[in-house]
Amino acid sequence: QWYQRRVHKQWYQRRVHKQWYQRRVHKQWYQRRVHKQWYQRRVQWGPTAPLASTMQGHILLAWSVCQVVSLPYGGGRSRGPKPTKTIGQLVDQEQVLSTFSEAVKRAGLEDMLTGSDFITVFAPTDEAFENVPSDIIDDDEKLKSLVLRHIVPGFPKRRSDLPSGDSSLETAGGQTITVTKSSSNKISAKSSEGEGKAVRHDILGTNGVIFWLNGVL
């Protein structure tokens, strides 16, 4: 009986080892096959060939995530060259926004528009400012409060990032404005002091996005 058990044990060990060896050989064969397929696709299609291994897939996924995270505009497909100017520089260069640009400087908010923190700016045009009472234009504190109502800090919101209907956004001055995206994809903004419609949208800067408004909030 002892001898039979010993023989059976040896037979079982050889069987286990054989199965392990077969699995190892099959694994090596499969790895060579996968590598061969990957190499053939790489030769045929170049560096853009589909990745064949899990590790390569993970590398591509990590790279893609990095690209999305690095975009300050909500990700998505690129629609033009990468922005090179800040929001402040874009406002300064537009003649139609000269009154808003001057108001930003008088309010001492240049750093907010040229800094590294992301912002969304609803900038009234010069024509829109014509309806602002002179007592607000002449008062620096009231003018600063007005400018802050048009700046929304945080991750920039392009038109495509805004949901349909009304969205409540907190401004840099602590007030809340309502931004509306209509069924026809038009953007408008409203505060307790005024409202306006976007006549231009998605003007991208390195630190945010600008909408031109035909009214003052």
Protein backbone atom coordinates (compact mmCIF):
# COMPACT_ATOMS: atom_id res chain seq x y z
CA GLN A 1 0.00 0.00 0.00
CA TRP A 2 2.82 2.37 0.89
CA TYR A 3 4.51 1.58 -2.41
CA GLN A 4 1.29 2.09 -4.35
CA ARG A 5 0.73 5.45 -2.67
CA ARG A 6 4.31 6.47 -3.47
CA VAL A 7 3.94 5.45 -7.11
CA HIS A 8 0.61 7.27 -7.34
CA LYS A 9 2.14 10.37 -5.77
CA GLN A 10 4.99 10.36 -8.26
CA TRP A 11 2.56 9.87 -11.12
CA TYR A 12 0.41 12.73 -9.86
CA GLN A 13 3.43 15.03 -9.52
CA ARG A 14 4.50 14.25 -13.07
CA ARG A 15 0.98 14.90 -14.29
CA VAL A 16 0.81 18.26 -12.48
CA HIS A 17 4.23 19.20 -13.82
CA LYS A 18 3.20 18.21 -17.32
CA GLN A 19 0.09 20.36 -17.15
CA TRP A 20 2.11 23.30 -15.79
CA TYR A 21 4.66 22.85 -18.58
CA GLN A 22 1.93 22.71 -21.20
CA ARG A 23 0.37 25.91 -19.88
CA ARG A 24 3.78 27.59 -19.85
CA VAL A 25 4.51 26.53 -23.42
CA HIS A 26 1.05 27.69 -24.53
CA LYS A 27 1.55 31.03 -22.78
CA GLN A 28 4.91 31.57 -24.48
CA TRP A 29 3.38 30.62 -27.82
CA TYR A 30 0.50 33.04 -27.27
CA GLN A 31 2.88 35.86 -26.29
CA ARG A 32 4.94 35.29 -29.44
CA ARG A 33 1.78 35.25 -31.53
CA VAL A 34 0.52 38.51 -30.01
CA HIS A 35 3.90 40.14 -30.47
CA LYS A 36 4.03 38.95 -34.07
CA GLN A 37 0.59 40.41 -34.80
CA TRP A 38 1.56 43.72 -33.14
CA TYR A 39 4.79 43.86 -35.15
CA GLN A 40 2.99 43.12 -38.41
CA ARG A 41 0.49 45.91 -37.77
CA ARG A 42 3.27 48.30 -36.81
CA VAL A 43 5.17 47.53 -40.02
CA GLN A 44 2.01 47.84 -42.09
CA TRP A 45 0.50 50.97 -40.51
CA GLY A 46 3.43 52.61 -38.77
CA PRO A 47 3.45 54.08 -35.25
CA THR A 48 -0.32 54.65 -35.30
CA ALA A 49 -1.09 50.93 -35.53
CA PRO A 50 -3.58 49.54 -32.99
CA LEU A 51 -1.87 48.53 -29.78
CA ALA A 52 -1.85 44.79 -29.18
CA SER A 53 -0.81 44.48 -25.57
CA THR A 54 -2.59 45.53 -22.40
CA MET A 55 0.38 47.57 -21.24
CA GLN A 56 0.49 49.52 -24.49
CA GLY A 57 -3.24 50.13 -24.18
CA HIS A 58 -2.75 51.49 -20.68
CA ILE A 59 -0.02 53.81 -21.91
CA LEU A 60 -2.31 55.16 -24.63
CA LEU A 61 -5.15 55.61 -22.13
CA ALA A 62 -2.89 57.50 -19.70
CA TRP A 63 -1.63 59.74 -22.51
CA SER A 64 -5.21 60.48 -23.64
CA VAL A 65 -6.28 61.40 -20.11
CA CYS A 66 -3.31 63.75 -19.79
CA GLN A 67 -4.30 65.46 -23.02
CA VAL A 68 -7.87 65.99 -21.84
CA VAL A 69 -6.84 67.22 -18.40
CA SER A 70 -4.40 69.68 -19.92
CA LEU A 71 -7.19 71.33 -21.93
CA PRO A 72 -8.75 74.31 -20.08
CA TYR A 73 -11.89 74.29 -22.19
CA GLY A 74 -13.68 71.14 -21.24
CA GLY A 75 -11.81 68.82 -23.57
CA GLY A 76 -13.22 67.80 -26.92
CA ARG A 77 -11.92 68.09 -30.44
CA SER A 78 -9.58 70.92 -31.23
CA ARG A 79 -11.19 73.52 -33.47
CA GLY A 80 -8.16 75.67 -34.16
CA PRO A 81 -4.66 76.59 -33.05
CA LYS A 82 -3.80 76.53 -29.37
CA PRO A 83 -4.46 79.90 -27.66
CA THR A 84 -1.38 82.01 -26.97
CA LYS A 85 -2.94 85.07 -25.30
CA THR A 86 -4.60 85.54 -21.93
CA ILE A 87 -8.15 86.78 -21.49
CA GLY A 88 -6.77 90.19 -20.51
CA GLN A 89 -4.72 90.44 -23.70
CA LEU A 90 -7.69 89.38 -25.83
CA VAL A 91 -9.91 92.03 -24.22
CA ASP A 92 -7.26 94.72 -24.70
CA GLN A 93 -6.81 94.00 -28.40
CA GLU A 94 -10.52 94.24 -29.27
CA GLN A 95 -11.62 97.78 -30.07
CA VAL A 96 -15.26 96.85 -29.48
CA LEU A 97 -14.40 95.94 -25.86
CA SER A 98 -12.37 99.08 -25.10
CA THR A 99 -14.84 100.39 -22.48
CA PHE A 100 -14.86 97.07 -20.64
CA SER A 101 -11.06 96.94 -20.82
CA GLU A 102 -10.83 100.42 -19.29
CA ALA A 103 -13.32 99.45 -16.58
CA VAL A 104 -11.21 96.39 -15.69
CA LYS A 105 -8.13 98.58 -15.28
CA ARG A 106 -9.93 101.20 -13.20
CA ALA A 107 -11.25 98.42 -10.96
CA GLY A 108 -7.75 97.01 -10.51
CA LEU A 109 -8.71 93.60 -11.86
CA GLU A 110 -6.06 93.19 -14.58
CA ASP A 111 -4.39 90.35 -12.67
CA MET A 112 -7.63 88.38 -12.65
CA LEU A 113 -7.82 88.49 -16.44
CA THR A 114 -4.14 87.80 -17.05
CA GLY A 115 -3.47 85.28 -14.26
CA SER A 116 -3.26 81.50 -14.37
CA ASP A 117 -6.65 80.87 -12.73
CA PHE A 118 -9.37 79.85 -15.18
CA ILE A 119 -12.27 82.23 -15.78
CA THR A 120 -15.27 82.73 -18.05
CA VAL A 121 -15.86 86.37 -19.01
CA PHE A 122 -19.12 87.82 -20.32
CA ALA A 123 -17.74 91.06 -21.74
CA PRO A 124 -20.20 93.81 -22.71
CA THR A 125 -19.46 95.65 -25.94
CA ASP A 126 -18.91 99.41 -26.08
CA GLU A 127 -22.45 99.84 -27.41
CA ALA A 128 -23.83 97.98 -24.40
CA PHE A 129 -21.99 100.32 -22.02
CA GLU A 130 -23.77 103.31 -23.54
CA ASN A 131 -26.84 102.41 -21.48
CA VAL A 132 -24.97 102.31 -18.13
CA PRO A 133 -25.81 105.32 -15.89
CA SER A 134 -22.99 107.82 -15.46
CA ASP A 135 -23.14 107.55 -11.65
CA ILE A 136 -21.95 103.92 -11.96
CA ILE A 137 -19.27 104.74 -14.51
CA ASP A 138 -17.91 107.56 -12.33
CA ASP A 139 -17.93 105.55 -9.09
CA ASP A 140 -14.95 103.18 -8.85
CA GLU A 141 -16.57 100.85 -6.32
CA LYS A 142 -19.80 100.52 -8.29
CA LEU A 143 -17.79 100.03 -11.46
CA LYS A 144 -15.73 97.27 -9.81
CA SER A 145 -18.91 95.52 -8.67
CA LEU A 146 -20.23 95.76 -12.23
CA VAL A 147 -17.07 94.25 -13.71
CA LEU A 148 -17.04 91.39 -11.20
CA ARG A 149 -20.60 90.44 -12.23
CA HIS A 150 -19.22 89.61 -15.67
CA ILE A 151 -16.43 87.29 -14.48
CA VAL A 152 -17.12 83.69 -13.47
CA PRO A 153 -14.15 81.96 -11.81
CA GLY A 154 -13.48 78.26 -12.19
CA PHE A 155 -13.24 75.87 -15.09
CA PRO A 156 -14.05 77.80 -18.33
CA LYS A 157 -17.44 77.15 -19.89
CA ARG A 158 -17.70 77.21 -23.66
CA ARG A 159 -21.10 77.13 -25.31
CA SER A 160 -20.81 73.37 -25.77
CA ASP A 161 -20.09 72.95 -22.04
CA LEU A 162 -23.29 74.69 -20.98
CA PRO A 163 -26.41 72.54 -20.56
CA SER A 164 -29.62 73.46 -22.33
CA GLY A 165 -31.84 75.74 -20.31
CA ASP A 166 -30.83 77.86 -17.33
CA SER A 167 -27.58 77.56 -15.39
CA SER A 168 -26.84 79.48 -12.19
CA LEU A 169 -23.22 80.62 -11.98
CA GLU A 170 -21.52 82.41 -9.12
CA THR A 171 -19.49 85.43 -10.21
CA ALA A 172 -16.17 86.69 -8.88
CA GLY A 173 -18.09 89.28 -6.85
CA GLY A 174 -20.17 86.64 -5.08
CA GLN A 175 -23.37 87.36 -6.99
CA THR A 176 -25.30 84.80 -9.00
CA ILE A 177 -26.11 85.19 -12.67
CA THR A 178 -28.32 83.02 -14.84
CA VAL A 179 -26.88 81.83 -18.14
CA THR A 180 -29.41 80.42 -20.60
CA LYS A 181 -28.78 78.17 -23.58
CA SER A 182 -31.78 78.13 -25.87
CA SER A 183 -33.02 75.33 -28.08
CA SER A 184 -31.42 77.17 -31.01
CA ASN A 185 -28.06 77.09 -29.19
CA LYS A 186 -28.10 80.83 -28.41
CA ILE A 187 -26.53 82.07 -25.17
CA SER A 188 -27.84 84.85 -22.94
CA ALA A 189 -27.00 86.00 -19.42
CA LYS A 190 -29.04 87.77 -16.76
CA SER A 191 -28.40 89.25 -13.33
CA SER A 192 -30.51 91.25 -10.91
CA GLU A 193 -29.13 94.42 -12.55
CA GLY A 194 -29.41 93.67 -16.25
CA GLU A 195 -29.17 91.15 -19.06
CA GLY A 196 -27.63 90.60 -22.47
CA LYS A 197 -27.32 88.17 -25.35
CA ALA A 198 -24.05 86.73 -26.61
CA VAL A 199 -23.12 88.21 -30.00
CA ARG A 200 -19.86 86.23 -30.08
CA HIS A 201 -18.89 83.15 -28.13
CA ASP A 202 -16.04 80.75 -27.40
CA ILE A 203 -13.18 83.23 -27.80
CA LEU A 204 -10.46 81.14 -26.20
CA GLY A 205 -7.53 82.39 -24.16
CA THR A 206 -4.83 80.55 -22.27
CA ASN A 207 -6.74 81.02 -19.03
CA GLY A 208 -10.37 80.92 -20.08
CA VAL A 209 -13.05 81.90 -22.56
CA ILE A 210 -14.88 85.11 -23.52
CA PHE A 211 -18.46 85.80 -24.60
CA TRP A 212 -19.34 89.21 -26.06
CA LEU A 213 -22.63 90.55 -24.69
CA ASN A 214 -24.91 93.18 -26.17
CA GLY A 215 -26.02 94.15 -22.67
CA VAL A 216 -24.58 94.86 -19.22
CA LEU A 217 -25.37 92.55 -16.32
